[in-house]
N, C-alpha and C. Protein backbone atom coordinates (compact mmCIF):
# COMPACT_ATOMS: atom_id res chain seq x y z
N UNK A 1 -1.79 13.07 -26.21
CA UNK A 1 -0.71 12.41 -25.31
C UNK A 1 0.50 12.64 -26.17
N UNK A 2 0.34 12.72 -27.68
CA UNK A 2 1.78 13.18 -28.62
C UNK A 2 2.39 15.26 -27.80
N UNK A 3 1.65 15.73 -27.22
CA UNK A 3 2.22 16.76 -26.88
C UNK A 3 2.40 16.63 -25.09
N UNK A 4 3.03 15.72 -24.73
CA UNK A 4 3.10 15.46 -23.82
C UNK A 4 4.55 16.12 -22.77
N UNK A 5 4.68 16.91 -22.30
CA UNK A 5 6.12 17.26 -22.06
C UNK A 5 6.31 16.96 -20.67
N UNK A 6 7.41 16.17 -20.18
CA UNK A 6 8.00 15.01 -19.21
C UNK A 6 8.51 15.95 -19.05
N UNK A 7 9.23 17.05 -18.72
CA UNK A 7 10.83 17.56 -18.00
C UNK A 7 11.85 17.24 -18.14
N UNK A 8 13.08 17.86 -17.64
CA UNK A 8 13.80 16.87 -17.06
C UNK A 8 13.63 15.83 -16.41
N UNK A 9 14.35 14.22 -16.61
CA UNK A 9 13.58 12.97 -16.06
C UNK A 9 15.19 13.00 -15.73
N UNK A 10 15.18 12.18 -14.41
CA UNK A 10 16.70 11.97 -13.58
C UNK A 10 16.74 10.15 -14.29
N UNK A 11 18.28 10.50 -14.39
CA UNK A 11 19.08 8.97 -14.28
C UNK A 11 18.49 8.06 -13.56
N UNK A 12 18.44 6.74 -14.22
CA UNK A 12 18.24 5.44 -12.95
C UNK A 12 18.99 5.50 -12.44
N UNK A 13 20.11 5.93 -12.15
CA UNK A 13 21.75 5.79 -11.18
C UNK A 13 21.48 6.86 -10.57
N UNK A 14 21.02 8.08 -10.68
CA UNK A 14 20.09 8.90 -9.87
C UNK A 14 19.21 8.36 -8.84
N UNK A 15 18.23 8.16 -9.13
CA UNK A 15 17.10 7.55 -8.35
C UNK A 15 17.73 6.61 -7.72
N UNK A 16 18.59 5.87 -8.22
CA UNK A 16 18.68 4.95 -7.09
C UNK A 16 19.86 4.97 -5.93
N UNK A 17 20.46 6.11 -5.92
CA UNK A 17 21.47 6.03 -4.97
C UNK A 17 20.64 7.57 -3.99
N UNK A 18 19.32 8.04 -5.10
CA UNK A 18 18.70 8.84 -3.82
C UNK A 18 17.81 8.23 -2.98
N UNK A 19 17.22 7.14 -3.32
CA UNK A 19 16.37 6.24 -3.26
C UNK A 19 16.72 5.01 -2.95
N UNK A 20 18.19 4.68 -2.62
CA UNK A 20 18.47 3.01 -2.57
C UNK A 20 17.48 1.96 -1.35
N UNK A 21 17.35 2.66 -0.58
CA UNK A 21 16.54 1.76 0.50
C UNK A 21 15.64 1.02 -0.13
N UNK A 22 14.78 1.33 -0.86
CA UNK A 22 13.24 1.12 -1.66
C UNK A 22 13.75 -0.55 -1.73
N UNK A 23 15.32 -0.37 -1.84
CA UNK A 23 15.25 -1.43 -2.36
C UNK A 23 16.06 -3.14 -1.26
N UNK A 24 16.28 -2.41 0.25
CA UNK A 24 16.82 -3.08 1.28
C UNK A 24 15.98 -4.28 1.32
N UNK A 25 14.16 -3.71 1.08
CA UNK A 25 13.11 -4.46 1.68
C UNK A 25 13.25 -5.69 0.84
N UNK A 26 13.47 -5.67 -0.37
CA UNK A 26 13.78 -7.22 -1.29
C UNK A 26 14.84 -7.87 -0.99
N UNK A 27 16.01 -6.96 -0.32
CA UNK A 27 17.49 -7.78 0.41
C UNK A 27 17.13 -8.39 1.46
N UNK A 28 16.14 -7.79 2.13
CA UNK A 28 16.15 -7.96 3.77
C UNK A 28 15.12 -9.47 3.49
N UNK A 29 14.18 -9.78 2.54
CA UNK A 29 13.54 -11.15 2.64
C UNK A 29 14.62 -11.60 2.16
N UNK A 30 15.44 -12.04 1.45
CA UNK A 30 16.43 -13.02 1.44
C UNK A 30 17.15 -13.22 3.00
N UNK A 31 17.47 -12.18 3.05
CA UNK A 31 18.74 -12.47 4.86
C UNK A 31 17.50 -12.90 5.81
N UNK A 32 16.65 -12.31 5.57
CA UNK A 32 15.79 -13.06 6.64
C UNK A 32 14.93 -14.63 6.58
N UNK A 33 15.27 -15.20 5.46
CA UNK A 33 14.72 -16.46 5.29
C UNK A 33 16.08 -17.01 4.86
N UNK A 34 17.76 -16.52 5.27
CA UNK A 34 18.92 -17.41 5.02
C UNK A 34 18.68 -17.29 6.87
N UNK A 35 18.26 -16.67 7.85
CA UNK A 35 18.65 -16.48 9.24
C UNK A 35 17.67 -18.31 9.45
N UNK A 36 17.04 -18.08 8.48
CA UNK A 36 15.80 -19.24 9.31
C UNK A 36 14.63 -19.21 9.44
N UNK A 37 14.05 -17.54 8.69
CA UNK A 37 12.74 -17.39 9.16
C UNK A 37 11.81 -17.82 7.74
N UNK A 38 10.39 -18.28 7.89
CA UNK A 38 9.74 -18.56 6.80
C UNK A 38 9.09 -18.25 6.14
N UNK A 39 9.11 -17.84 5.54
CA UNK A 39 8.83 -16.91 4.01
C UNK A 39 7.70 -16.31 3.89
N UNK A 40 6.60 -16.31 5.08
CA UNK A 40 5.96 -15.43 5.42
C UNK A 40 6.25 -14.19 6.43
N UNK A 41 7.08 -14.86 7.27
CA UNK A 41 7.30 -14.38 8.27
C UNK A 41 8.65 -13.09 7.61
N UNK A 42 9.46 -13.85 6.82
CA UNK A 42 10.12 -13.02 5.99
C UNK A 42 9.68 -11.80 5.64
N UNK A 43 8.78 -12.12 4.52
CA UNK A 43 8.33 -10.96 3.97
C UNK A 43 7.52 -9.78 5.13
N UNK A 44 6.99 -10.19 6.34
CA UNK A 44 6.26 -9.31 7.25
C UNK A 44 7.20 -8.40 7.57
N UNK A 45 8.72 -9.19 7.66
CA UNK A 45 9.66 -8.38 8.88
C UNK A 45 10.35 -7.70 7.41
N UNK A 46 10.23 -7.59 6.04
CA UNK A 46 10.71 -6.64 5.02
C UNK A 46 9.95 -5.31 5.08
N UNK A 47 8.49 -6.23 5.39
CA UNK A 47 7.35 -5.26 5.13
C UNK A 47 7.44 -3.92 6.61
N UNK A 48 8.03 -4.71 7.88
CA UNK A 48 8.49 -3.77 8.59
C UNK A 48 9.65 -3.04 8.60
N UNK A 49 10.60 -3.56 8.11
CA UNK A 49 12.05 -2.60 7.25
C UNK A 49 11.39 -1.78 6.17
N UNK A 50 10.87 -2.15 5.81
CA UNK A 50 10.33 -1.00 4.79
C UNK A 50 9.81 0.14 5.41
N UNK A 51 8.52 0.13 5.98
CA UNK A 51 7.86 0.82 6.62
C UNK A 51 8.84 1.78 7.52
N UNK A 52 9.67 1.38 8.29
CA UNK A 52 11.12 2.04 8.77
C UNK A 52 11.68 2.83 8.06
N UNK A 53 12.46 2.34 7.57
CA UNK A 53 12.92 2.87 6.26
C UNK A 53 12.68 4.16 5.12
N UNK A 54 10.90 4.11 5.04
CA UNK A 54 10.23 5.24 4.79
C UNK A 54 10.06 6.39 5.12
N UNK A 55 10.95 6.55 6.46
CA UNK A 55 11.45 7.15 7.48
C UNK A 55 12.48 7.75 7.08
N UNK A 56 13.26 8.06 6.25
CA UNK A 56 15.00 8.49 5.88
C UNK A 56 15.03 9.68 4.83
N UNK A 57 13.70 9.50 4.34
CA UNK A 57 13.52 11.06 3.84
C UNK A 57 11.95 11.82 3.73
N UNK A 58 12.02 13.01 4.08
CA UNK A 58 10.82 13.79 4.56
C UNK A 58 10.06 12.57 3.16
N UNK A 59 10.20 13.38 2.15
CA UNK A 59 9.08 12.86 1.02
C UNK A 59 8.84 11.40 0.49
N UNK A 60 9.25 10.67 1.16
CA UNK A 60 8.71 8.95 1.23
C UNK A 60 8.04 8.77 2.37
N UNK A 61 8.31 8.93 3.72
CA UNK A 61 7.72 9.05 4.56
C UNK A 61 5.85 8.05 5.20
N UNK A 62 5.48 7.55 5.09
CA UNK A 62 4.51 7.41 4.65
C UNK A 62 3.58 7.99 5.94
N UNK A 63 4.23 8.55 7.31
CA UNK A 63 3.47 9.83 7.89
C UNK A 63 4.19 10.47 8.41
N UNK A 64 3.92 11.87 8.41
CA UNK A 64 4.29 13.48 8.15
C UNK A 64 5.23 13.25 9.27
N UNK A 65 6.55 14.00 9.62
CA UNK A 65 7.50 13.61 11.16
C UNK A 65 6.79 15.38 11.29
N UNK A 66 5.71 15.47 10.70
CA UNK A 66 5.09 16.01 11.82
C UNK A 66 3.96 15.78 12.70
N UNK A 67 3.84 14.37 12.90
CA UNK A 67 3.31 13.83 13.82
C UNK A 67 4.13 13.53 15.16
N UNK A 68 5.57 13.61 14.56
CA UNK A 68 6.40 12.63 15.71
C UNK A 68 7.00 14.12 16.00
N UNK A 69 6.90 15.18 15.42
CA UNK A 69 7.59 16.55 16.10
C UNK A 69 6.27 17.36 17.41
N UNK A 70 4.90 16.89 17.16
CA UNK A 70 4.06 16.81 18.01
C UNK A 70 3.35 18.39 17.51
N UNK A 71 3.65 18.67 16.03
CA UNK A 71 2.50 19.79 15.55
C UNK A 71 1.68 19.07 14.95
N UNK A 72 0.32 19.92 15.07
CA UNK A 72 -0.88 19.07 14.60
C UNK A 72 -1.86 17.92 15.42
N UNK A 73 -2.84 18.14 15.14
CA UNK A 73 -3.31 17.26 15.66
C UNK A 73 -3.17 15.25 15.31
N UNK A 74 -3.05 15.02 16.09
CA UNK A 74 -3.00 13.08 15.83
C UNK A 74 -3.94 12.41 14.77
N UNK A 75 -5.04 12.36 15.27
CA UNK A 75 -5.99 12.19 13.77
C UNK A 75 -5.99 13.03 12.38
N UNK A 76 -4.96 14.10 12.32
CA UNK A 76 -5.31 14.55 11.05
C UNK A 76 -3.91 14.42 10.39
N UNK A 77 -3.03 14.30 10.94
CA UNK A 77 -1.65 14.02 10.59
C UNK A 77 -1.51 12.12 10.25
N UNK A 78 -2.76 11.31 10.93
CA UNK A 78 -2.44 9.76 10.47
C UNK A 78 -3.82 9.43 9.39
N UNK A 79 -4.50 10.41 9.68
CA UNK A 79 -5.94 9.88 8.58
C UNK A 79 -5.34 11.12 7.53
N UNK A 80 -4.06 11.70 7.21
CA UNK A 80 -3.87 12.19 5.87
C UNK A 80 -2.88 12.03 5.62
N UNK A 81 -1.89 10.87 5.91
CA UNK A 81 -0.71 10.41 5.69
C UNK A 81 -0.74 9.73 4.65
N UNK A 82 -0.12 9.79 3.77
CA UNK A 82 0.02 8.99 2.88
C UNK A 82 -0.61 7.04 2.49
N UNK A 83 0.05 7.06 3.93
CA UNK A 83 -0.34 5.37 4.15
C UNK A 83 -1.94 5.29 4.42
N UNK A 84 -2.59 6.27 4.95
CA UNK A 84 -4.19 6.00 5.57
C UNK A 84 -5.12 5.79 3.80
N UNK A 85 -4.21 6.84 3.14
CA UNK A 85 -4.70 7.16 1.28
C UNK A 85 -4.55 6.10 0.76
N UNK A 86 -3.42 5.34 0.64
CA UNK A 86 -2.77 4.19 -0.54
C UNK A 86 -4.03 3.44 0.10
N UNK A 87 -4.42 2.69 1.44
CA UNK A 87 -5.12 1.75 2.13
C UNK A 87 -6.55 2.02 1.80
N UNK A 88 -7.28 3.02 1.65
CA UNK A 88 -8.03 3.65 1.10
C UNK A 88 -8.62 3.25 -0.02
N UNK A 89 -7.95 3.63 -0.92
CA UNK A 89 -7.69 3.51 -2.44
C UNK A 89 -7.91 2.01 -2.27
N UNK A 90 -6.78 1.34 -2.14
CA UNK A 90 -6.59 -0.41 -2.47
C UNK A 90 -8.41 -1.18 -1.68
N UNK A 91 -9.03 -0.49 -0.87
CA UNK A 91 -9.98 -1.02 -0.25
C UNK A 91 -11.00 -0.29 -0.82
N UNK A 92 -11.32 0.80 -1.46
CA UNK A 92 -12.29 1.46 -2.26
C UNK A 92 -12.39 0.49 -3.67
N UNK A 93 -10.88 0.16 -4.13
CA UNK A 93 -11.11 -0.41 -5.55
C UNK A 93 -11.58 -2.16 -5.38
N UNK A 94 -10.83 -2.81 -4.49
CA UNK A 94 -11.73 -4.10 -4.22
C UNK A 94 -13.28 -3.70 -3.86
N UNK A 95 -14.29 -2.89 -3.46
CA UNK A 95 -15.19 -2.45 -3.27
C UNK A 95 -15.71 -2.83 -4.05
N UNK A 96 -15.17 -1.98 -5.02
CA UNK A 96 -16.01 -1.46 -6.64
C UNK A 96 -15.89 -2.85 -7.28
N UNK A 97 -14.50 -3.91 -7.16
CA UNK A 97 -14.50 -4.72 -8.09
C UNK A 97 -15.83 -6.02 -7.98
N UNK A 98 -15.63 -5.93 -6.18
CA UNK A 98 -16.92 -6.93 -5.70
C UNK A 98 -18.45 -6.58 -6.14
N UNK A 99 -18.65 -5.28 -6.53
CA UNK A 99 -19.80 -5.01 -6.66
C UNK A 99 -19.76 -5.10 -8.28
N UNK A 100 -18.89 -4.75 -9.15
CA UNK A 100 -18.83 -5.39 -10.40
C UNK A 100 -19.09 -6.70 -10.52
N UNK A 101 -18.94 -7.32 -9.59
CA UNK A 101 -18.86 -9.08 -10.25
C UNK A 101 -20.26 -9.49 -9.34
N UNK A 102 -20.61 -8.74 -8.39
CA UNK A 102 -22.49 -9.26 -7.24
C UNK A 102 -23.10 -9.55 -8.20
N UNK A 103 -23.71 -11.14 -8.06
CA UNK A 103 -24.85 -11.35 -9.32
C UNK A 103 -26.02 -10.31 -8.68
N UNK A 104 -26.95 -10.50 -9.94
CA UNK A 104 -27.78 -10.06 -10.41
C UNK A 104 -29.06 -10.40 -9.05
N UNK A 105 -29.67 -9.10 -8.88
CA UNK A 105 -30.40 -9.84 -7.66
C UNK A 105 -31.53 -10.67 -8.37
N UNK A 106 -32.29 -12.07 -7.30
CA UNK A 106 -33.22 -12.28 -7.55
C UNK A 106 -34.61 -11.34 -7.84
N UNK A 107 -35.77 -12.51 -8.36
CA UNK A 107 -37.04 -11.84 -8.63
C UNK A 107 -37.57 -11.93 -7.39
N UNK A 108 -38.73 -11.71 -6.83
CA UNK A 108 -39.08 -11.68 -5.32
C UNK A 108 -40.28 -12.27 -5.37
N UNK A 109 -40.22 -13.87 -6.74
CA UNK A 109 -41.51 -14.13 -6.05
C UNK A 109 -41.19 -15.22 -5.41
N UNK A 110 -42.21 -16.34 -4.78
CA UNK A 110 -41.74 -16.93 -4.02
C UNK A 110 -41.25 -17.93 -4.88
N UNK A 111 -42.38 -18.19 -5.46
CA UNK A 111 -41.77 -19.36 -6.33
C UNK A 111 -40.56 -19.64 -7.27
N UNK A 112 -39.91 -18.88 -7.36
CA UNK A 112 -38.89 -18.46 -7.88
C UNK A 112 -37.74 -18.58 -6.90
N UNK A 113 -37.95 -18.80 -5.51
CA UNK A 113 -36.58 -18.47 -4.84
C UNK A 113 -36.35 -20.57 -4.59
N UNK A 114 -34.98 -20.41 -3.99
CA UNK A 114 -34.95 -21.75 -3.95
C UNK A 114 -34.58 -21.83 -2.32
N UNK A 115 -34.90 -22.67 -1.81
CA UNK A 115 -34.37 -22.30 -0.21
C UNK A 115 -32.91 -22.24 0.02
N UNK A 116 -32.57 -21.71 1.20
CA UNK A 116 -31.68 -20.88 1.37
C UNK A 116 -30.61 -22.01 1.77
N UNK A 117 -30.86 -23.17 2.29
CA UNK A 117 -30.13 -24.53 2.38
C UNK A 117 -30.01 -25.54 0.85
N UNK A 118 -31.19 -25.67 0.14
CA UNK A 118 -31.08 -25.92 -1.04
C UNK A 118 -30.37 -25.80 -1.79
């Protein structure tokens, strides 16, 4: 790990100027709550705002621009999109955690099993 070269990194201000719209979701939660929306609806609409603003730059778009230009098949663009890949990884990690927490199966002898209703 000591010999890792990170190359030239951009400054915080440079990244903030380039990706300013990522902060818009945080601001929109406050704005929606000031407009009288509940916290849950405010977060929902902030998520919608984030989804829409992700298309301001092609490198942050949740779906490829080619999907909207009609290039290639719909299924390829949707199922290979960063959005679907991220959701799949999230669900896969959740399933792995559940599998680790699952209790060990009980022995199959009838005397050691208790009825399901008891």
